[in-house]
Amino acid sequence: ATSALFRNNRNGTFTDVTRASGLGSALYGMGAAAGDYDNDGRVDLYVTALGANRLFRNRGAFRFTDVTAAGGVGDTSFSTSAAWFDYDKDGRLDLFVANYVGWTPANDLWCTLDGKTKSYCTPESYPGQSPTLYRNAGDGRFENATKRAGLFDPTSKALGVTVFDYDGDSWLDLFVSNDTQPNRLYRNQKNGTFADAAVSAGVAFNEAGVARAGMGVDAADYDGSGRPSLVIGNFSNEMMALYSNQGNGLFIDDAARSTVGRSTRLSLTFACFFFDFDLDGWPDIFAANGHVADDIATVQSTIRYAQPAHLFRNLGNRRFEDVSKDGAALQRPVVARGAAYADYDNDGDLDLAVTASNGPARILRNQGGNRRNSLRVHLEGVTSNRDGIGAVVHVTAGGRRQWSMVRSGSSYLSQSELPLTFGLDRAATAGPIDVLWPSGRRDTIPAVDANQTITIREGGGLVNRLPFARR
């Protein structure tokens, strides 16, 4: 199959511009990660696949060039999720690639649920594959730094990765969700290496000490603690994980005691992420679900192949409300896989894109989130990487101070938009706005009006404003 690029026409429609874009390569595509790796002001694209990944350099005007060979990033494993991040603070984006299992069409095994027909084989049937870390050398080339950085792990069966600073030392860490293998929490050692702290942090296994089938993952400060916590999609009968960061190197899984766990017990969640769909200033949770075995109902009648999504509204105080029935689009059963958010219609609230296995991708437009106010913050790095990935933005509005980090990757095989959306509830202004850049520089912007996108340049302050197109 071929990838596709759709240009936003700014009127609620899209145009397929794949043919002239240079992105129409034939490949067994899986996921993508977007980031300006060469700091030229244009966002580039890394596409993961089974067999050979691709790096596409953005030349502008919706034109891309395949620079995989020159860049040295043609990983030939079964690659899944990927994330751009500057792990060594040199101002250039490096690349982490999650790899799954040693499966190919040639070594496909015969597995069955009912003893009669071929079904999905579990990942235990195949060997794992190590993830890959590519260090940006700054001249268009990347170096494979996996072993040198301490990330080589041939037992890994990774499906998701999120970049975050869980210990608050201003160095970017990694969380890798593994399928039937222990999850990994790679703490940045500040010297080009990482150390796995997953077991001691309590995120490697479930509460019974068993590795779960981890899928997508995301991080955000959902409980207002000032620390990033984790949400992880897991297999059916396992429920999602909701790890609250305690600030002392430990995480506690809140899922079993919350609506999030109870509602997802029978779901198989692939993509999941935090986003503030109702713009009240609290990160909510979206989960895209769908089983891997089309005949699962023959052995477990309570589970379906196609499954509806979940949407959890954050009520504060580490409590969530299941609002998945708010809208027919969420109730429709699909075999969902990837999912991402973006304000595609520039109306101030976050919309969703969801892909499906052997089915069409869908856009779910947020119909009521913009009843409240919001502020969208776009960053432009100068000494730091151009996208500002890893920058932390604090916004004060309505007597509350909230924060978020610019990040690539997260969810499952997906890339959400890089600008940060802050829900302001009823506040008509927001400020001050504080930015801590990866370079260590701090910029502070005075109060601005709500309901616009602002661009902040590192060391240059506020350089652009774009009002929302409220309907």
Protein backbone atom coordinates (compact mmCIF):
# COMPACT_ATOMS: atom_id res chain seq x y z
CA ALA A 1 0.00 0.00 0.00
CA THR A 2 1.00 3.65 -0.22
CA SER A 3 0.91 6.47 2.31
CA ALA A 4 -1.28 9.51 1.69
CA LEU A 5 -0.99 13.25 2.35
CA PHE A 6 -4.11 15.38 2.61
CA ARG A 7 -3.89 19.19 2.49
CA ASN A 8 -6.25 21.08 4.79
CA ASN A 9 -8.36 23.44 2.64
CA ARG A 10 -9.28 25.55 5.69
CA ASN A 11 -12.99 25.10 5.02
CA GLY A 12 -13.60 21.74 6.67
CA THR A 13 -12.40 19.72 3.66
CA PHE A 14 -9.13 18.14 2.55
CA THR A 15 -7.42 17.55 -0.81
CA ASP A 16 -5.31 14.49 -1.59
CA VAL A 17 -1.91 15.83 -2.65
CA THR A 18 0.00 12.55 -2.34
CA ARG A 19 0.93 12.21 -6.03
CA ALA A 20 3.04 15.38 -6.18
CA SER A 21 4.26 15.25 -2.58
CA GLY A 22 6.82 12.47 -2.88
CA LEU A 23 5.23 10.56 -0.01
CA GLY A 24 3.49 7.92 -2.10
CA SER A 25 6.05 5.17 -1.53
CA ALA A 26 4.81 1.59 -1.52
CA LEU A 27 5.48 0.05 1.89
CA TYR A 28 3.95 -2.00 4.70
CA GLY A 29 3.36 1.18 6.65
CA MET A 30 2.68 1.33 10.38
CA GLY A 31 3.05 4.76 12.00
CA ALA A 32 4.63 8.20 11.72
CA ALA A 33 6.38 10.88 13.74
CA ALA A 34 6.71 14.53 12.71
CA GLY A 35 9.58 16.84 13.62
CA ASP A 36 11.92 19.43 12.08
CA TYR A 37 15.13 17.40 12.38
CA ASP A 38 17.24 19.84 10.30
CA ASN A 39 15.92 23.03 11.96
CA ASP A 40 15.00 24.67 8.65
CA GLY A 41 11.49 25.67 9.74
CA ARG A 42 9.72 22.87 7.86
CA VAL A 43 8.37 19.80 9.66
CA ASP A 44 9.83 16.53 8.36
CA LEU A 45 8.29 13.07 8.54
CA TYR A 46 9.50 9.65 9.66
CA VAL A 47 7.31 6.71 8.62
CA THR A 48 7.65 3.34 10.35
CA ALA A 49 6.98 0.07 8.55
CA LEU A 50 7.48 -3.64 8.45
CA GLY A 51 10.69 -4.08 6.49
CA ALA A 52 12.05 -0.60 5.80
CA ASN A 53 11.26 2.72 7.47
CA ARG A 54 11.40 6.03 5.58
CA LEU A 55 12.65 9.53 6.41
CA PHE A 56 11.14 12.28 4.29
CA ARG A 57 12.71 15.75 4.30
CA ASN A 58 10.24 18.59 3.85
CA ARG A 59 11.27 20.88 0.97
CA GLY A 60 8.24 23.14 1.36
CA ALA A 61 5.08 23.59 -0.74
CA PHE A 62 3.92 20.05 0.15
CA ARG A 63 7.00 18.48 -1.43
CA PHE A 64 9.11 15.84 0.34
CA THR A 65 12.32 14.00 -0.54
CA ASP A 66 13.17 10.49 0.63
CA VAL A 67 16.50 10.86 2.48
CA THR A 68 16.42 7.54 4.30
CA ALA A 69 19.66 6.18 2.85
CA ALA A 70 21.60 9.43 3.31
CA GLY A 71 20.29 9.79 6.84
CA GLY A 72 21.13 6.21 7.83
CA VAL A 73 17.74 5.61 9.45
CA GLY A 74 16.34 2.78 7.32
CA ASP A 75 15.53 0.43 10.20
CA THR A 76 14.45 -2.90 8.70
CA SER A 77 12.75 -4.30 11.79
CA PHE A 78 9.01 -4.50 12.47
CA SER A 79 8.82 -0.86 13.55
CA THR A 80 5.77 0.62 15.26
CA SER A 81 5.72 3.94 17.11
CA ALA A 82 8.44 6.59 16.93
CA ALA A 83 9.24 9.91 18.61
CA TRP A 84 11.54 12.86 17.95
CA PHE A 85 13.30 14.34 20.99
CA ASP A 86 16.59 16.03 21.89
CA TYR A 87 17.95 13.64 24.50
CA ASP A 88 21.46 15.15 24.66
CA LYS A 89 20.50 18.87 24.61
CA ASP A 90 22.55 19.76 21.53
CA GLY A 91 19.67 21.59 19.83
CA ARG A 92 19.03 18.84 17.28
CA LEU A 93 16.18 16.34 17.28
CA ASP A 94 17.15 12.72 17.77
CA LEU A 95 14.86 9.80 16.93
CA PHE A 96 13.61 6.85 18.98
CA VAL A 97 12.03 3.96 17.06
CA ALA A 98 10.02 1.25 18.83
CA ASN A 99 10.27 -2.22 17.28
CA TYR A 100 7.90 -5.12 17.80
CA VAL A 101 8.52 -8.80 17.04
CA GLY A 102 10.42 -10.85 14.47
CA TRP A 103 7.38 -11.54 12.30
CA THR A 104 7.37 -11.55 8.52
CA PRO A 105 4.92 -13.04 6.01
CA ALA A 106 7.52 -15.75 5.40
CA ASN A 107 7.62 -16.99 9.03
CA ASP A 108 3.91 -16.56 9.79
CA LEU A 109 2.69 -19.30 12.15
CA TRP A 110 -0.63 -21.14 12.22
CA CYS A 111 -2.53 -20.37 15.42
CA THR A 112 -6.13 -21.05 16.33
CA LEU A 113 -8.69 -20.19 19.01
CA ASP A 114 -11.21 -22.92 18.26
CA GLY A 115 -8.90 -25.67 16.95
CA LYS A 116 -10.36 -25.36 13.46
CA THR A 117 -9.64 -22.02 11.82
CA LYS A 118 -6.51 -19.85 11.61
CA SER A 119 -6.48 -16.97 14.05
CA TYR A 120 -4.19 -14.29 15.45
CA CYS A 121 -0.92 -15.53 16.98
CA THR A 122 0.06 -13.89 20.25
CA PRO A 123 3.43 -12.08 20.49
CA GLU A 124 4.83 -14.90 22.64
CA SER A 125 5.03 -16.87 19.38
CA TYR A 126 7.80 -14.65 17.99
CA PRO A 127 11.11 -13.25 19.28
CA GLY A 128 11.38 -9.63 20.35
CA GLN A 129 13.33 -6.84 18.64
CA SER A 130 15.36 -4.08 20.22
CA PRO A 131 14.25 -0.47 19.80
CA THR A 132 16.60 1.87 17.95
CA LEU A 133 17.95 5.26 19.03
CA TYR A 134 19.29 7.48 16.26
CA ARG A 135 21.44 10.42 17.35
CA ASN A 136 21.27 13.45 15.05
CA ALA A 137 24.80 14.20 13.84
CA GLY A 138 23.76 17.61 12.50
CA ASP A 139 24.74 17.16 8.86
CA GLY A 140 21.71 15.26 7.64
CA ARG A 141 23.06 12.00 9.02
CA PHE A 142 22.10 10.00 12.09
CA GLU A 143 24.21 7.65 14.19
CA ASN A 144 22.83 4.44 15.70
CA ALA A 145 23.41 5.14 19.39
CA THR A 146 21.22 2.33 20.77
CA LYS A 147 23.90 0.28 22.49
CA ARG A 148 26.01 3.25 23.56
CA ALA A 149 22.93 4.82 25.19
CA GLY A 150 22.03 1.65 27.08
CA LEU A 151 18.78 1.06 25.16
CA PHE A 152 19.62 -2.22 23.42
CA ASP A 153 16.97 -4.74 24.49
CA PRO A 154 16.36 -7.73 22.19
CA THR A 155 13.50 -8.93 24.43
CA SER A 156 11.49 -5.79 23.73
CA LYS A 157 8.14 -6.03 21.93
CA ALA A 158 7.36 -2.35 21.87
CA LEU A 159 4.20 -0.76 20.51
CA GLY A 160 4.16 2.66 22.14
CA VAL A 161 6.57 5.36 23.32
CA THR A 162 6.12 8.67 25.07
CA VAL A 163 8.72 11.33 25.83
CA PHE A 164 8.43 13.10 29.17
CA ASP A 165 10.46 14.38 32.12
CA TYR A 166 9.08 12.23 34.89
CA ASP A 167 11.66 13.20 37.54
CA GLY A 168 11.66 16.94 36.86
CA ASP A 169 15.39 17.31 36.13
CA SER A 170 14.83 18.99 32.73
CA TRP A 171 16.27 16.02 30.81
CA LEU A 172 13.91 14.04 28.60
CA ASP A 173 13.10 10.47 29.65
CA LEU A 174 11.34 7.68 27.74
CA PHE A 175 8.49 5.35 28.59
CA VAL A 176 8.14 2.32 26.30
CA SER A 177 5.03 0.14 26.45
CA ASN A 178 5.75 -3.51 25.64
CA ASP A 179 3.37 -6.26 24.56
CA THR A 180 3.62 -9.22 27.01
CA GLN A 181 7.05 -7.99 28.13
CA PRO A 182 7.81 -5.63 31.02
CA ASN A 183 7.37 -1.95 30.21
CA ARG A 184 10.50 0.20 30.26
CA LEU A 185 11.02 3.55 31.96
CA TYR A 186 14.30 4.92 30.66
CA ARG A 187 15.68 7.65 32.91
CA ASN A 188 18.01 10.09 31.15
CA GLN A 189 21.41 9.94 32.87
CA LYS A 190 22.42 13.36 31.45
CA ASN A 191 25.53 11.87 29.82
CA GLY A 192 24.10 10.35 26.64
CA THR A 193 22.90 7.18 28.37
CA PHE A 194 19.68 5.89 29.91
CA ALA A 195 18.93 3.56 32.84
CA ASP A 196 15.75 1.47 33.12
CA ALA A 197 13.84 2.41 36.29
CA ALA A 198 10.54 0.70 35.43
CA VAL A 199 10.64 -1.97 38.14
CA SER A 200 11.59 0.36 40.97
CA ALA A 201 9.04 2.93 39.76
CA GLY A 202 6.22 0.37 39.72
CA VAL A 203 5.36 0.63 36.01
CA ALA A 204 6.97 -2.54 34.59
CA PHE A 205 4.20 -4.94 35.64
CA ASN A 206 0.66 -4.88 36.92
CA GLU A 207 -0.15 -5.10 40.63
CA ALA A 208 0.14 -8.91 40.48
CA GLY A 209 3.66 -8.72 39.04
CA VAL A 210 2.58 -9.81 35.56
CA ALA A 211 3.59 -8.07 32.33
CA ARG A 212 0.58 -6.77 30.45
CA ALA A 213 0.03 -6.34 26.71
CA GLY A 214 0.92 -2.65 26.51
CA MET A 215 -0.16 -0.74 23.41
CA GLY A 216 -0.36 3.05 23.17
CA VAL A 217 0.84 5.44 25.89
CA ASP A 218 0.77 9.13 26.76
CA ALA A 219 1.86 11.43 29.58
CA ALA A 220 0.32 14.54 31.15
CA ASP A 221 -0.32 16.19 34.50
CA TYR A 222 -3.90 14.93 34.82
CA ASP A 223 -4.12 15.36 38.61
CA GLY A 224 -2.71 18.88 38.97
CA SER A 225 0.32 17.66 40.91
CA GLY A 226 2.80 19.45 38.68
CA ARG A 227 4.20 16.07 37.59
CA PRO A 228 3.56 14.07 34.38
CA SER A 229 1.62 10.85 34.85
CA LEU A 230 0.91 8.02 32.39
CA VAL A 231 -2.03 6.41 30.63
CA ILE A 232 -1.47 3.08 28.84
CA GLY A 233 -3.72 1.03 26.58
CA ASN A 234 -3.74 -2.70 27.36
CA PHE A 235 -5.31 -5.94 26.15
CA SER A 236 -8.88 -7.03 26.86
CA ASN A 237 -9.38 -8.42 30.38
CA GLU A 238 -6.46 -6.26 31.59
CA MET A 239 -7.99 -2.72 31.65
CA MET A 240 -6.07 0.46 30.91
CA ALA A 241 -3.34 1.63 33.25
CA LEU A 242 -3.44 5.10 34.81
CA TYR A 243 -0.19 5.70 36.64
CA SER A 244 -0.13 8.70 38.97
CA ASN A 245 3.38 10.14 39.41
CA GLN A 246 4.06 10.43 43.16
CA GLY A 247 7.13 12.64 42.75
CA ASN A 248 9.51 10.33 44.60
CA GLY A 249 10.36 8.04 41.70
CA LEU A 250 7.21 5.94 42.24
CA PHE A 251 3.95 5.63 40.31
CA ILE A 252 0.59 4.31 41.57
CA ASP A 253 -1.93 2.76 39.18
CA ASP A 254 -5.24 4.52 39.79
CA ALA A 255 -7.12 2.63 37.05
CA ALA A 256 -8.58 -0.20 39.13
CA ARG A 257 -10.07 2.30 41.60
CA SER A 258 -11.45 4.59 38.91
CA THR A 259 -13.99 4.67 36.12
CA VAL A 260 -11.12 4.34 33.66
CA GLY A 261 -10.33 0.81 34.82
CA ARG A 262 -13.90 -0.37 35.30
CA SER A 263 -15.00 0.84 31.87
CA THR A 264 -12.10 -0.67 29.92
CA ARG A 265 -11.95 -4.16 31.44
CA LEU A 266 -13.33 -5.81 28.28
CA SER A 267 -11.78 -3.37 25.78
CA LEU A 268 -8.58 -3.84 23.82
CA THR A 269 -7.15 -0.33 23.74
CA PHE A 270 -4.55 0.61 21.15
CA ALA A 271 -4.33 4.40 20.87
CA CYS A 272 -4.85 6.51 23.98
CA PHE A 273 -3.92 10.00 25.05
CA PHE A 274 -4.68 12.94 27.30
CA PHE A 275 -6.36 16.01 25.78
CA ASP A 276 -8.70 18.66 27.13
CA PHE A 277 -11.76 18.10 24.93
CA ASP A 278 -14.05 20.41 26.93
CA LEU A 279 -11.44 23.13 27.59
CA ASP A 280 -12.00 23.26 31.34
CA GLY A 281 -8.27 23.11 32.07
CA TRP A 282 -8.16 19.42 33.06
CA PRO A 283 -6.67 16.75 30.73
CA ASP A 284 -9.28 14.20 29.68
CA ILE A 285 -8.61 10.75 28.17
CA PHE A 286 -9.49 9.27 24.78
CA ALA A 287 -9.07 5.56 24.00
CA ALA A 288 -9.43 3.90 20.59
CA ASN A 289 -10.40 0.22 20.86
CA GLY A 290 -10.58 -2.89 18.69
CA HIS A 291 -9.56 -6.52 19.04
CA VAL A 292 -6.88 -8.34 17.05
CA ALA A 293 -8.83 -11.60 16.55
CA ASP A 294 -11.92 -11.37 14.36
CA ASP A 295 -13.19 -14.61 15.89
CA ILE A 296 -12.67 -13.63 19.55
CA ALA A 297 -16.41 -13.95 20.30
CA THR A 298 -16.22 -17.70 19.68
CA VAL A 299 -14.16 -18.17 22.85
CA GLN A 300 -15.26 -15.12 24.88
CA SER A 301 -18.79 -14.03 24.12
CA THR A 302 -18.54 -10.76 26.07
CA ILE A 303 -15.78 -9.38 23.80
CA ARG A 304 -16.23 -8.12 20.25
CA TYR A 305 -13.80 -7.60 17.37
CA ALA A 306 -15.12 -4.10 16.58
CA GLN A 307 -15.43 -1.97 19.70
CA PRO A 308 -16.61 1.56 20.52
CA ALA A 309 -14.18 4.20 21.75
CA HIS A 310 -13.93 5.56 25.29
CA LEU A 311 -13.92 9.19 26.36
CA PHE A 312 -13.26 10.04 30.00
CA ARG A 313 -13.91 13.53 31.35
CA ASN A 314 -11.52 14.64 34.07
CA LEU A 315 -13.48 15.82 37.11
CA GLY A 316 -10.38 16.80 39.11
CA ASN A 317 -9.18 15.18 42.33
CA ARG A 318 -8.01 12.12 40.31
CA ARG A 319 -11.59 11.27 39.30
CA PHE A 320 -12.98 10.63 35.80
CA GLU A 321 -16.46 10.34 34.32
CA ASP A 322 -17.19 8.03 31.36
CA VAL A 323 -18.86 10.23 28.73
CA SER A 324 -18.36 7.81 25.81
CA LYS A 325 -22.07 7.93 24.95
CA ASP A 326 -21.96 11.67 24.27
CA GLY A 327 -22.29 11.52 20.49
CA ALA A 328 -23.00 8.76 17.97
CA ALA A 329 -19.46 8.93 16.54
CA LEU A 330 -17.96 7.56 19.75
CA GLN A 331 -20.52 4.77 20.07
CA ARG A 332 -19.86 3.29 16.64
CA PRO A 333 -17.93 -0.02 16.95
CA VAL A 334 -14.75 -0.06 14.83
CA VAL A 335 -11.52 -2.06 14.80
CA ALA A 336 -9.56 1.04 15.78
CA ARG A 337 -5.78 1.32 15.86
CA GLY A 338 -4.10 4.75 15.63
CA ALA A 339 -5.53 8.03 16.91
CA ALA A 340 -4.37 11.63 17.22
CA TYR A 341 -5.79 15.06 18.03
CA ALA A 342 -5.54 18.44 16.31
CA ASP A 343 -7.66 21.55 15.90
CA TYR A 344 -8.09 20.96 12.17
CA ASP A 345 -10.86 23.58 11.76
CA ASN A 346 -9.19 26.31 13.88
CA ASP A 347 -12.22 26.78 16.11
CA GLY A 348 -10.28 26.46 19.37
CA ASP A 349 -11.14 22.91 20.44
CA LEU A 350 -9.41 19.61 19.67
CA ASP A 351 -10.74 17.21 17.06
CA LEU A 352 -9.79 13.57 16.54
CA ALA A 353 -8.43 11.40 13.73
CA VAL A 354 -8.84 7.64 14.16
CA THR A 355 -7.57 4.88 11.88
CA ALA A 356 -8.96 1.36 11.64
CA SER A 357 -7.72 -2.08 10.63
CA ASN A 358 -9.07 -2.90 7.16
CA GLY A 359 -11.33 0.12 7.32
CA PRO A 360 -11.38 3.84 6.54
CA ALA A 361 -9.82 6.53 8.70
CA ARG A 362 -12.29 8.88 10.37
CA ILE A 363 -12.23 12.48 11.55
CA LEU A 364 -14.33 13.18 14.64
CA ARG A 365 -15.13 16.88 14.88
CA ASN A 366 -15.47 18.31 18.38
CA GLN A 367 -18.95 19.86 18.35
CA GLY A 368 -19.09 21.59 21.70
CA GLY A 369 -15.68 21.97 23.27
CA ASN A 370 -15.34 25.59 22.23
CA ARG A 371 -18.20 26.71 24.43
CA ARG A 372 -15.32 27.50 26.79
CA ASN A 373 -12.26 29.63 26.08
CA SER A 374 -8.82 28.38 25.15
CA LEU A 375 -5.34 29.45 24.09
CA ARG A 376 -3.13 27.66 21.57
CA VAL A 377 0.63 28.11 21.96
CA HIS A 378 3.03 27.45 19.08
CA LEU A 379 6.76 27.57 19.83
CA GLU A 380 9.69 28.44 17.58
CA GLY A 381 13.07 27.40 18.92
CA VAL A 382 16.30 29.23 18.06
CA THR A 383 19.04 27.76 20.22
CA SER A 384 16.73 24.85 21.04
CA ASN A 385 15.32 22.63 18.30
CA ARG A 386 13.05 24.60 15.96
CA ASP A 387 9.85 22.80 17.04
CA GLY A 388 10.52 23.45 20.72
CA ILE A 389 10.05 19.73 21.47
CA GLY A 390 10.80 19.25 25.16
CA ALA A 391 9.87 22.84 26.06
CA VAL A 392 7.54 23.26 29.05
CA VAL A 393 4.87 25.97 28.94
CA HIS A 394 3.06 27.26 32.04
CA VAL A 395 -0.13 29.29 31.61
CA THR A 396 -1.96 31.12 34.40
CA ALA A 397 -5.66 31.88 33.88
CA GLY A 398 -8.73 32.15 36.08
CA GLY A 399 -6.67 31.71 39.23
CA ARG A 400 -5.17 28.39 38.08
CA ARG A 401 -1.71 27.58 36.75
CA GLN A 402 -1.44 24.70 34.31
CA TRP A 403 1.38 23.36 32.17
CA SER A 404 2.18 21.11 29.25
CA MET A 405 5.21 19.94 27.27
CA VAL A 406 5.71 20.04 23.50
CA ARG A 407 6.19 16.42 22.46
CA SER A 408 6.42 14.18 19.43
CA GLY A 409 5.16 10.59 19.41
CA SER A 410 2.76 9.19 22.06
CA SER A 411 -0.58 7.44 21.45
CA TYR A 412 -0.14 4.43 19.12
CA LEU A 413 1.57 4.72 15.72
CA SER A 414 0.46 8.35 15.69
CA GLN A 415 1.46 12.02 15.91
CA SER A 416 -0.79 14.69 17.36
CA GLU A 417 -0.24 18.36 16.62
CA LEU A 418 2.78 20.07 18.17
CA PRO A 419 1.10 23.34 19.32
CA LEU A 420 -0.26 23.17 22.87
CA THR A 421 -3.93 23.84 23.61
CA PHE A 422 -4.75 25.19 27.07
CA GLY A 423 -8.38 25.12 28.21
CA LEU A 424 -9.17 28.38 30.02
CA ASP A 425 -12.78 27.65 31.02
CA ARG A 426 -14.42 31.08 31.41
CA ALA A 427 -11.23 33.14 31.64
CA ALA A 428 -11.05 35.80 28.92
CA THR A 429 -7.29 36.30 29.23
CA ALA A 430 -4.28 34.14 30.00
CA GLY A 431 -0.99 35.16 31.51
CA PRO A 432 1.67 35.36 32.38
CA ILE A 433 2.87 32.62 30.02
CA ASP A 434 6.20 31.08 31.01
CA VAL A 435 8.31 28.98 28.65
CA LEU A 436 11.24 26.86 29.79
CA TRP A 437 13.15 25.92 26.63
CA PRO A 438 15.33 22.80 26.24
CA SER A 439 18.33 25.15 26.08
CA GLY A 440 17.58 26.26 29.65
CA ARG A 441 16.41 29.71 28.62
CA ARG A 442 13.22 31.08 30.21
CA ASP A 443 10.86 33.47 28.42
CA THR A 444 7.84 35.14 29.99
CA ILE A 445 4.98 36.63 27.98
CA PRO A 446 2.47 39.06 29.58
CA ALA A 447 -1.23 38.32 29.57
CA VAL A 448 -2.92 37.83 26.19
CA ASP A 449 -6.53 37.49 25.09
CA ALA A 450 -8.09 34.04 24.92
CA ASN A 451 -9.30 32.29 21.76
CA GLN A 452 -6.26 32.66 19.54
CA THR A 453 -3.07 30.89 18.53
CA ILE A 454 0.09 32.70 19.57
CA THR A 455 3.63 31.99 18.40
CA ILE A 456 6.48 32.49 20.88
CA ARG A 457 10.05 32.61 19.55
CA GLU A 458 12.93 31.61 21.82
CA GLY A 459 14.49 34.87 23.00
CA GLY A 460 12.18 36.88 20.74
CA GLY A 461 8.91 36.87 22.65
CA LEU A 462 5.48 36.96 21.05
CA VAL A 463 5.87 37.09 17.26
CA ASN A 464 2.46 36.15 15.85
CA ARG A 465 -1.25 35.92 16.71
CA LEU A 466 -4.02 34.11 14.83
CA PRO A 467 -7.62 34.40 16.10
CA PHE A 468 -9.78 31.29 16.11
CA ALA A 469 -12.47 30.89 13.48
CA ARG A 470 -15.34 30.42 15.93
CA ARG A 471 -18.58 29.19 14.38
